[in-house]
Amino acid sequence: VRGKVATLLDLGTGFLPELTGRENIALNAAIMGLSDSETASRMDSIIDFADLGSFINSPIKTYSAGMYMRLGFAIAIHVNADILLIDEILAVGDEEFQRKCVPELQRMQRNGTSLVIASHALSMLAALCDRVIWLDGGRVMIDGQPNEVLERYSPHFVVANE
């Protein structure tokens, strides 16, 4: 792997429960390779995107799973990673926040970020992927165009914009 990698793999990964959301932004940004000045310049935008209100100043041990996801996602999209690894985490957030995430991920793709997504969210995969691999028990069942793979995986799923 060459370049900067950001991850959204598991709720709470890289977060310290006793720290506030704001303090965890600084910690996670550092883990993902941002300098202190880069973090400072992006802090307000991260906080705005996460939309946690006054909870941003509370210890994250008081956060719900959805709040963890909002904060983790907001940090990851502000790292300007070359590769973003996502594992089912977006399924945790509320529907409104999920709708907010897809356009942001599409923007990242247009700007050259490669997304690697493990998910059962077929609509999200159809919207974001140019290649889908269906795995079953660690075995590749099919590897190809999203519409082909998703329709074979779930025959009742209809890929939009065909």
N, C-alpha and C. Protein backbone atom coordinates (compact mmCIF):
# COMPACT_ATOMS: atom_id res chain seq x y z
N VAL A 1 0.85 -1.18 0.00
CA VAL A 1 0.00 0.00 0.00
C VAL A 1 0.89 1.23 0.00
N ARG A 2 0.56 2.13 -0.89
CA ARG A 2 1.25 3.41 -0.92
C ARG A 2 0.21 4.50 -0.68
N GLY A 3 0.58 5.42 0.16
CA GLY A 3 -0.34 6.51 0.45
C GLY A 3 -0.95 6.39 1.83
N LYS A 4 -1.87 7.30 2.10
CA LYS A 4 -2.50 7.38 3.42
C LYS A 4 -3.75 6.50 3.44
N VAL A 5 -3.89 5.69 4.49
CA VAL A 5 -5.03 4.80 4.66
C VAL A 5 -5.84 5.26 5.87
N ALA A 6 -7.15 5.34 5.68
CA ALA A 6 -8.07 5.61 6.80
C ALA A 6 -9.00 4.42 6.91
N THR A 7 -9.49 4.17 8.13
CA THR A 7 -10.35 3.02 8.34
C THR A 7 -11.60 3.37 9.13
N LEU A 8 -12.66 2.66 8.81
CA LEU A 8 -13.90 2.66 9.59
C LEU A 8 -14.25 1.19 9.76
N LEU A 9 -13.61 0.55 10.73
CA LEU A 9 -13.71 -0.89 10.85
C LEU A 9 -14.58 -1.36 12.00
N ASP A 10 -14.52 -0.69 13.11
CA ASP A 10 -15.26 -1.15 14.28
C ASP A 10 -15.55 0.05 15.15
N LEU A 11 -16.73 0.08 15.72
CA LEU A 11 -17.06 1.19 16.61
C LEU A 11 -16.06 1.27 17.74
N GLY A 12 -15.54 2.44 17.95
CA GLY A 12 -14.65 2.65 19.08
C GLY A 12 -13.19 2.40 18.79
N THR A 13 -12.87 1.86 17.62
CA THR A 13 -11.47 1.61 17.30
C THR A 13 -10.71 2.93 17.29
N GLY A 14 -9.68 3.01 18.09
CA GLY A 14 -8.87 4.21 18.14
C GLY A 14 -9.41 5.30 19.06
N PHE A 15 -10.56 5.06 19.66
CA PHE A 15 -11.14 6.03 20.58
C PHE A 15 -10.81 5.64 22.02
N LEU A 16 -10.60 6.64 22.86
CA LEU A 16 -10.42 6.41 24.29
C LEU A 16 -11.68 6.91 24.99
N PRO A 17 -12.39 6.02 25.69
CA PRO A 17 -13.71 6.34 26.27
C PRO A 17 -13.72 7.53 27.22
N GLU A 18 -12.63 7.76 27.94
CA GLU A 18 -12.60 8.84 28.92
C GLU A 18 -12.40 10.22 28.28
N LEU A 19 -11.91 10.24 27.04
CA LEU A 19 -11.68 11.51 26.35
C LEU A 19 -12.98 12.01 25.72
N THR A 20 -13.06 13.30 25.52
CA THR A 20 -14.23 13.89 24.85
C THR A 20 -14.16 13.61 23.36
N GLY A 21 -15.25 13.89 22.68
CA GLY A 21 -15.26 13.75 21.22
C GLY A 21 -14.19 14.61 20.59
N ARG A 22 -14.07 15.83 21.06
CA ARG A 22 -13.06 16.77 20.53
C ARG A 22 -11.65 16.22 20.74
N GLU A 23 -11.37 15.70 21.93
CA GLU A 23 -10.05 15.14 22.21
C GLU A 23 -9.79 13.88 21.37
N ASN A 24 -10.84 13.09 21.14
CA ASN A 24 -10.69 11.90 20.31
C ASN A 24 -10.49 12.24 18.84
N ILE A 25 -11.00 13.37 18.40
CA ILE A 25 -10.72 13.82 17.04
C ILE A 25 -9.22 14.03 16.90
N ALA A 26 -8.63 14.75 17.84
CA ALA A 26 -7.18 15.02 17.78
C ALA A 26 -6.39 13.71 17.82
N LEU A 27 -6.79 12.78 18.69
CA LEU A 27 -6.09 11.50 18.81
C LEU A 27 -6.20 10.70 17.51
N ASN A 28 -7.41 10.55 16.98
CA ASN A 28 -7.60 9.77 15.76
C ASN A 28 -6.95 10.41 14.55
N ALA A 29 -7.02 11.71 14.47
CA ALA A 29 -6.38 12.40 13.35
C ALA A 29 -4.87 12.15 13.38
N ALA A 30 -4.29 12.16 14.56
CA ALA A 30 -2.85 11.88 14.69
C ALA A 30 -2.55 10.44 14.29
N ILE A 31 -3.39 9.50 14.74
CA ILE A 31 -3.20 8.10 14.37
C ILE A 31 -3.26 7.93 12.85
N MET A 32 -4.13 8.70 12.20
CA MET A 32 -4.30 8.60 10.74
C MET A 32 -3.31 9.47 9.97
N GLY A 33 -2.37 10.10 10.69
CA GLY A 33 -1.28 10.78 10.02
C GLY A 33 -1.41 12.27 9.84
N LEU A 34 -2.40 12.91 10.42
CA LEU A 34 -2.52 14.37 10.30
C LEU A 34 -1.62 15.05 11.32
N SER A 35 -1.05 16.16 10.91
CA SER A 35 -0.25 16.96 11.84
C SER A 35 -1.20 17.75 12.75
N ASP A 36 -0.65 18.33 13.79
CA ASP A 36 -1.47 19.14 14.70
C ASP A 36 -2.11 20.31 13.96
N SER A 37 -1.37 20.95 13.06
CA SER A 37 -1.94 22.09 12.33
C SER A 37 -3.01 21.64 11.34
N GLU A 38 -2.84 20.47 10.71
CA GLU A 38 -3.88 19.95 9.81
C GLU A 38 -5.14 19.63 10.60
N THR A 39 -4.97 19.03 11.77
CA THR A 39 -6.11 18.70 12.62
C THR A 39 -6.82 19.97 13.06
N ALA A 40 -6.07 20.96 13.49
CA ALA A 40 -6.67 22.23 13.93
C ALA A 40 -7.46 22.88 12.81
N SER A 41 -6.93 22.84 11.59
CA SER A 41 -7.61 23.49 10.47
C SER A 41 -8.88 22.75 10.04
N ARG A 42 -8.99 21.47 10.39
CA ARG A 42 -10.15 20.66 10.00
C ARG A 42 -11.12 20.40 11.15
N MET A 43 -10.75 20.79 12.35
CA MET A 43 -11.53 20.48 13.55
C MET A 43 -12.99 20.93 13.41
N ASP A 44 -13.23 22.18 13.04
CA ASP A 44 -14.60 22.69 12.95
C ASP A 44 -15.42 21.93 11.91
N SER A 45 -14.80 21.62 10.78
CA SER A 45 -15.50 20.88 9.73
C SER A 45 -15.85 19.47 10.18
N ILE A 46 -14.94 18.82 10.90
CA ILE A 46 -15.20 17.48 11.44
C ILE A 46 -16.37 17.54 12.42
N ILE A 47 -16.33 18.50 13.31
CA ILE A 47 -17.38 18.65 14.32
C ILE A 47 -18.72 18.94 13.64
N ASP A 48 -18.72 19.82 12.64
CA ASP A 48 -19.96 20.14 11.92
C ASP A 48 -20.53 18.90 11.23
N PHE A 49 -19.67 18.12 10.57
CA PHE A 49 -20.16 16.95 9.85
C PHE A 49 -20.71 15.91 10.82
N ALA A 50 -20.03 15.69 11.94
CA ALA A 50 -20.48 14.69 12.91
C ALA A 50 -21.83 15.08 13.52
N ASP A 51 -22.09 16.37 13.65
CA ASP A 51 -23.37 16.89 14.12
C ASP A 51 -23.78 16.27 15.46
N LEU A 52 -22.87 16.35 16.43
CA LEU A 52 -23.12 15.78 17.75
C LEU A 52 -23.53 16.83 18.78
N GLY A 53 -23.62 18.07 18.33
CA GLY A 53 -24.02 19.14 19.24
C GLY A 53 -23.07 19.26 20.41
N SER A 54 -23.62 19.51 21.59
CA SER A 54 -22.78 19.71 22.78
C SER A 54 -22.11 18.42 23.25
N PHE A 55 -22.54 17.26 22.73
CA PHE A 55 -21.90 16.00 23.11
C PHE A 55 -20.44 15.94 22.67
N ILE A 56 -20.04 16.80 21.74
CA ILE A 56 -18.65 16.79 21.28
C ILE A 56 -17.70 17.07 22.45
N ASN A 57 -18.20 17.72 23.50
CA ASN A 57 -17.38 18.03 24.67
C ASN A 57 -17.60 17.06 25.83
N SER A 58 -18.33 15.98 25.57
CA SER A 58 -18.57 14.95 26.59
C SER A 58 -17.66 13.75 26.33
N PRO A 59 -17.34 13.00 27.38
CA PRO A 59 -16.56 11.77 27.18
C PRO A 59 -17.33 10.83 26.26
N ILE A 60 -16.62 10.19 25.33
CA ILE A 60 -17.34 9.37 24.36
C ILE A 60 -17.90 8.09 24.97
N LYS A 61 -17.54 7.79 26.19
CA LYS A 61 -18.17 6.64 26.85
C LYS A 61 -19.67 6.88 27.04
N THR A 62 -20.12 8.13 26.90
CA THR A 62 -21.54 8.46 27.01
C THR A 62 -22.24 8.42 25.65
N TYR A 63 -21.52 8.13 24.58
CA TYR A 63 -22.08 8.15 23.22
C TYR A 63 -22.83 6.85 22.90
N SER A 64 -23.82 6.97 22.05
CA SER A 64 -24.49 5.79 21.49
C SER A 64 -23.63 5.25 20.35
N ALA A 65 -23.99 4.07 19.85
CA ALA A 65 -23.26 3.48 18.72
C ALA A 65 -23.32 4.41 17.50
N GLY A 66 -24.47 5.00 17.26
CA GLY A 66 -24.61 5.91 16.13
C GLY A 66 -23.73 7.14 16.26
N MET A 67 -23.58 7.64 17.48
CA MET A 67 -22.73 8.80 17.72
C MET A 67 -21.26 8.45 17.48
N TYR A 68 -20.85 7.26 17.91
CA TYR A 68 -19.48 6.79 17.63
C TYR A 68 -19.24 6.78 16.13
N MET A 69 -20.21 6.20 15.39
CA MET A 69 -20.08 6.10 13.95
C MET A 69 -19.99 7.48 13.30
N ARG A 70 -20.82 8.39 13.72
CA ARG A 70 -20.79 9.75 13.17
C ARG A 70 -19.41 10.38 13.36
N LEU A 71 -18.87 10.24 14.56
CA LEU A 71 -17.57 10.85 14.85
C LEU A 71 -16.47 10.17 14.05
N GLY A 72 -16.46 8.84 14.03
CA GLY A 72 -15.44 8.10 13.28
C GLY A 72 -15.49 8.42 11.79
N PHE A 73 -16.70 8.47 11.23
CA PHE A 73 -16.85 8.77 9.81
C PHE A 73 -16.37 10.19 9.52
N ALA A 74 -16.79 11.14 10.34
CA ALA A 74 -16.40 12.53 10.13
C ALA A 74 -14.88 12.69 10.13
N ILE A 75 -14.21 11.99 11.03
CA ILE A 75 -12.75 12.06 11.07
C ILE A 75 -12.16 11.45 9.81
N ALA A 76 -12.61 10.24 9.47
CA ALA A 76 -12.04 9.51 8.33
C ALA A 76 -12.16 10.28 7.02
N ILE A 77 -13.28 10.97 6.81
CA ILE A 77 -13.43 11.68 5.53
C ILE A 77 -12.61 12.96 5.47
N HIS A 78 -12.12 13.41 6.60
CA HIS A 78 -11.30 14.64 6.62
C HIS A 78 -9.80 14.36 6.59
N VAL A 79 -9.43 13.10 6.50
CA VAL A 79 -8.01 12.74 6.49
C VAL A 79 -7.41 12.88 5.09
N ASN A 80 -8.28 12.92 4.07
CA ASN A 80 -7.84 12.94 2.67
C ASN A 80 -6.99 11.71 2.36
N ALA A 81 -7.53 10.56 2.73
CA ALA A 81 -6.83 9.29 2.52
C ALA A 81 -6.82 8.89 1.06
N ASP A 82 -5.82 8.13 0.70
CA ASP A 82 -5.76 7.54 -0.63
C ASP A 82 -6.65 6.30 -0.69
N ILE A 83 -6.77 5.61 0.45
CA ILE A 83 -7.59 4.40 0.56
C ILE A 83 -8.41 4.50 1.84
N LEU A 84 -9.71 4.23 1.72
CA LEU A 84 -10.59 4.20 2.88
C LEU A 84 -11.19 2.81 2.98
N LEU A 85 -10.93 2.13 4.10
CA LEU A 85 -11.46 0.79 4.36
C LEU A 85 -12.68 0.93 5.26
N ILE A 86 -13.82 0.36 4.81
CA ILE A 86 -15.07 0.47 5.55
C ILE A 86 -15.64 -0.93 5.75
N ASP A 87 -15.97 -1.28 6.99
CA ASP A 87 -16.55 -2.59 7.28
C ASP A 87 -17.87 -2.43 8.02
N GLU A 88 -18.98 -2.42 7.28
CA GLU A 88 -20.34 -2.42 7.82
C GLU A 88 -20.68 -1.29 8.77
N ILE A 89 -19.75 -0.43 9.07
CA ILE A 89 -19.98 0.57 10.11
C ILE A 89 -21.13 1.51 9.78
N LEU A 90 -21.36 1.79 8.51
CA LEU A 90 -22.42 2.74 8.16
C LEU A 90 -23.81 2.21 8.48
N ALA A 91 -23.93 0.91 8.68
CA ALA A 91 -25.23 0.33 9.03
C ALA A 91 -25.69 0.79 10.41
N VAL A 92 -24.79 1.29 11.22
CA VAL A 92 -25.10 1.69 12.59
C VAL A 92 -25.81 3.03 12.64
N GLY A 93 -25.48 3.93 11.76
CA GLY A 93 -26.00 5.29 11.83
C GLY A 93 -27.46 5.41 11.45
N ASP A 94 -28.05 6.52 11.83
CA ASP A 94 -29.44 6.76 11.46
C ASP A 94 -29.53 7.00 9.95
N GLU A 95 -30.73 6.82 9.42
CA GLU A 95 -30.94 6.89 7.97
C GLU A 95 -30.53 8.25 7.39
N GLU A 96 -30.84 9.32 8.09
CA GLU A 96 -30.49 10.66 7.61
C GLU A 96 -28.97 10.80 7.48
N PHE A 97 -28.23 10.31 8.48
CA PHE A 97 -26.78 10.42 8.42
C PHE A 97 -26.22 9.53 7.32
N GLN A 98 -26.79 8.34 7.13
CA GLN A 98 -26.35 7.46 6.05
C GLN A 98 -26.52 8.15 4.70
N ARG A 99 -27.64 8.84 4.50
CA ARG A 99 -27.86 9.56 3.23
C ARG A 99 -26.84 10.68 3.06
N LYS A 100 -26.37 11.24 4.14
CA LYS A 100 -25.36 12.30 4.12
C LYS A 100 -23.98 11.72 3.74
N CYS A 101 -23.75 10.46 4.10
CA CYS A 101 -22.44 9.83 3.89
C CYS A 101 -22.17 9.46 2.44
N VAL A 102 -23.16 8.93 1.73
CA VAL A 102 -22.93 8.44 0.37
C VAL A 102 -22.40 9.55 -0.55
N PRO A 103 -23.01 10.73 -0.59
CA PRO A 103 -22.43 11.79 -1.44
C PRO A 103 -21.00 12.16 -1.04
N GLU A 104 -20.73 12.09 0.25
CA GLU A 104 -19.37 12.41 0.71
C GLU A 104 -18.38 11.36 0.22
N LEU A 105 -18.78 10.10 0.27
CA LEU A 105 -17.92 9.02 -0.25
C LEU A 105 -17.74 9.15 -1.75
N GLN A 106 -18.79 9.53 -2.47
CA GLN A 106 -18.68 9.75 -3.92
C GLN A 106 -17.72 10.90 -4.22
N ARG A 107 -17.78 11.96 -3.42
CA ARG A 107 -16.84 13.08 -3.59
C ARG A 107 -15.41 12.59 -3.40
N MET A 108 -15.20 11.77 -2.39
CA MET A 108 -13.86 11.24 -2.14
C MET A 108 -13.37 10.41 -3.33
N GLN A 109 -14.26 9.60 -3.90
CA GLN A 109 -13.89 8.81 -5.07
C GLN A 109 -13.49 9.72 -6.23
N ARG A 110 -14.28 10.75 -6.49
CA ARG A 110 -13.96 11.69 -7.59
C ARG A 110 -12.60 12.34 -7.37
N ASN A 111 -12.22 12.51 -6.10
CA ASN A 111 -10.93 13.12 -5.77
C ASN A 111 -9.80 12.11 -5.68
N GLY A 112 -10.07 10.85 -6.05
CA GLY A 112 -9.01 9.85 -6.15
C GLY A 112 -8.87 8.87 -5.02
N THR A 113 -9.76 8.93 -4.01
CA THR A 113 -9.70 7.96 -2.92
C THR A 113 -10.30 6.65 -3.38
N SER A 114 -9.62 5.56 -3.11
CA SER A 114 -10.15 4.22 -3.36
C SER A 114 -10.89 3.75 -2.12
N LEU A 115 -12.10 3.24 -2.32
CA LEU A 115 -12.89 2.71 -1.21
C LEU A 115 -12.89 1.20 -1.28
N VAL A 116 -12.68 0.56 -0.14
CA VAL A 116 -12.83 -0.88 -0.01
C VAL A 116 -13.89 -1.07 1.06
N ILE A 117 -15.05 -1.62 0.65
CA ILE A 117 -16.22 -1.70 1.52
C ILE A 117 -16.65 -3.15 1.69
N ALA A 118 -16.78 -3.57 2.94
CA ALA A 118 -17.39 -4.86 3.25
C ALA A 118 -18.77 -4.55 3.80
N SER A 119 -19.82 -5.00 3.10
CA SER A 119 -21.16 -4.60 3.52
C SER A 119 -22.23 -5.51 2.93
N HIS A 120 -23.39 -5.51 3.60
CA HIS A 120 -24.60 -6.14 3.08
C HIS A 120 -25.59 -5.07 2.63
N ALA A 121 -25.18 -3.81 2.68
CA ALA A 121 -26.04 -2.70 2.27
C ALA A 121 -25.99 -2.59 0.75
N LEU A 122 -26.86 -3.34 0.08
CA LEU A 122 -26.78 -3.47 -1.38
C LEU A 122 -26.95 -2.14 -2.10
N SER A 123 -27.85 -1.29 -1.62
CA SER A 123 -28.06 0.01 -2.27
C SER A 123 -26.80 0.87 -2.21
N MET A 124 -26.13 0.82 -1.06
CA MET A 124 -24.89 1.59 -0.92
C MET A 124 -23.82 1.04 -1.86
N LEU A 125 -23.72 -0.28 -1.95
CA LEU A 125 -22.74 -0.88 -2.86
C LEU A 125 -23.04 -0.51 -4.30
N ALA A 126 -24.31 -0.53 -4.67
CA ALA A 126 -24.69 -0.17 -6.04
C ALA A 126 -24.34 1.29 -6.34
N ALA A 127 -24.50 2.16 -5.34
CA ALA A 127 -24.25 3.59 -5.54
C ALA A 127 -22.76 3.92 -5.59
N LEU A 128 -21.93 3.12 -4.90
CA LEU A 128 -20.53 3.50 -4.73
C LEU A 128 -19.52 2.65 -5.51
N CYS A 129 -19.88 1.44 -5.85
CA CYS A 129 -18.86 0.51 -6.34
C CYS A 129 -18.85 0.37 -7.86
N ASP A 130 -17.65 0.21 -8.40
CA ASP A 130 -17.52 -0.14 -9.81
C ASP A 130 -17.11 -1.60 -9.96
N ARG A 131 -16.92 -2.27 -8.82
CA ARG A 131 -16.61 -3.70 -8.78
C ARG A 131 -17.11 -4.24 -7.45
N VAL A 132 -17.77 -5.40 -7.50
CA VAL A 132 -18.27 -6.04 -6.29
C VAL A 132 -17.81 -7.49 -6.28
N ILE A 133 -17.38 -7.95 -5.12
CA ILE A 133 -16.98 -9.34 -4.94
C ILE A 133 -17.88 -9.94 -3.87
N TRP A 134 -18.61 -10.99 -4.22
CA TRP A 134 -19.47 -11.69 -3.28
C TRP A 134 -18.65 -12.82 -2.68
N LEU A 135 -18.48 -12.75 -1.35
CA LEU A 135 -17.75 -13.78 -0.63
C LEU A 135 -18.73 -14.60 0.21
N ASP A 136 -18.50 -15.89 0.27
CA ASP A 136 -19.31 -16.78 1.11
C ASP A 136 -18.36 -17.76 1.77
N GLY A 137 -18.24 -17.65 3.08
CA GLY A 137 -17.34 -18.53 3.81
C GLY A 137 -15.89 -18.37 3.37
N GLY A 138 -15.52 -17.14 2.97
CA GLY A 138 -14.16 -16.88 2.53
C GLY A 138 -13.89 -17.26 1.09
N ARG A 139 -14.90 -17.77 0.41
CA ARG A 139 -14.76 -18.19 -0.98
C ARG A 139 -15.39 -17.16 -1.91
N VAL A 140 -14.73 -16.84 -3.01
CA VAL A 140 -15.28 -15.91 -3.99
C VAL A 140 -16.38 -16.62 -4.78
N MET A 141 -17.59 -16.10 -4.66
CA MET A 141 -18.73 -16.65 -5.39
C MET A 141 -18.81 -16.03 -6.78
N ILE A 142 -18.62 -14.72 -6.84
CA ILE A 142 -18.63 -13.99 -8.12
C ILE A 142 -17.90 -12.67 -7.91
N ASP A 143 -17.23 -12.23 -8.96
CA ASP A 143 -16.46 -10.99 -8.95
C ASP A 143 -16.78 -10.28 -10.26
N GLY A 144 -17.36 -9.08 -10.15
CA GLY A 144 -17.70 -8.41 -11.40
C GLY A 144 -18.38 -7.07 -11.21
N GLN A 145 -19.14 -6.70 -12.22
CA GLN A 145 -19.88 -5.44 -12.22
C GLN A 145 -20.95 -5.48 -11.13
N PRO A 146 -21.18 -4.35 -10.46
CA PRO A 146 -22.14 -4.33 -9.35
C PRO A 146 -23.51 -4.91 -9.70
N ASN A 147 -24.09 -4.49 -10.84
CA ASN A 147 -25.44 -4.98 -11.17
C ASN A 147 -25.48 -6.49 -11.31
N GLU A 148 -24.47 -7.08 -11.91
CA GLU A 148 -24.42 -8.54 -12.10
C GLU A 148 -24.30 -9.25 -10.76
N VAL A 149 -23.35 -8.81 -9.94
CA VAL A 149 -23.10 -9.48 -8.66
C VAL A 149 -24.26 -9.29 -7.70
N LEU A 150 -24.77 -8.07 -7.57
CA LEU A 150 -25.83 -7.79 -6.61
C LEU A 150 -27.13 -8.50 -6.97
N GLU A 151 -27.44 -8.59 -8.27
CA GLU A 151 -28.65 -9.29 -8.69
C GLU A 151 -28.53 -10.80 -8.47
N ARG A 152 -27.34 -11.35 -8.62
CA ARG A 152 -27.15 -12.78 -8.34
C ARG A 152 -27.18 -13.04 -6.84
N TYR A 153 -26.62 -12.13 -6.06
CA TYR A 153 -26.62 -12.26 -4.60
C TYR A 153 -28.04 -12.20 -4.06
N SER A 154 -28.81 -11.27 -4.57
CA SER A 154 -30.19 -11.06 -4.10
C SER A 154 -31.08 -10.85 -5.33
N PRO A 155 -31.66 -11.91 -5.85
CA PRO A 155 -32.45 -11.81 -7.09
C PRO A 155 -33.56 -10.78 -7.05
N HIS A 156 -34.04 -10.42 -5.87
CA HIS A 156 -35.12 -9.42 -5.77
C HIS A 156 -34.59 -7.99 -5.72
N PHE A 157 -33.27 -7.86 -5.65
CA PHE A 157 -32.67 -6.52 -5.61
C PHE A 157 -32.62 -5.98 -7.04
N VAL A 158 -33.10 -4.77 -7.21
CA VAL A 158 -33.08 -4.13 -8.52
C VAL A 158 -32.08 -3.00 -8.48
N VAL A 159 -31.07 -3.06 -9.35
CA VAL A 159 -30.07 -2.02 -9.40
C VAL A 159 -30.65 -0.83 -10.15
N ALA A 160 -30.62 0.33 -9.53
CA ALA A 160 -31.14 1.55 -10.15
C ALA A 160 -30.18 2.04 -11.23
N ASN A 161 -30.68 2.83 -12.13
CA ASN A 161 -29.87 3.47 -13.19
C ASN A 161 -29.22 2.47 -14.13
N GLU A 162 -29.93 1.42 -14.47
CA GLU A 162 -29.36 0.47 -15.42
C GLU A 162 -29.59 0.97 -16.82
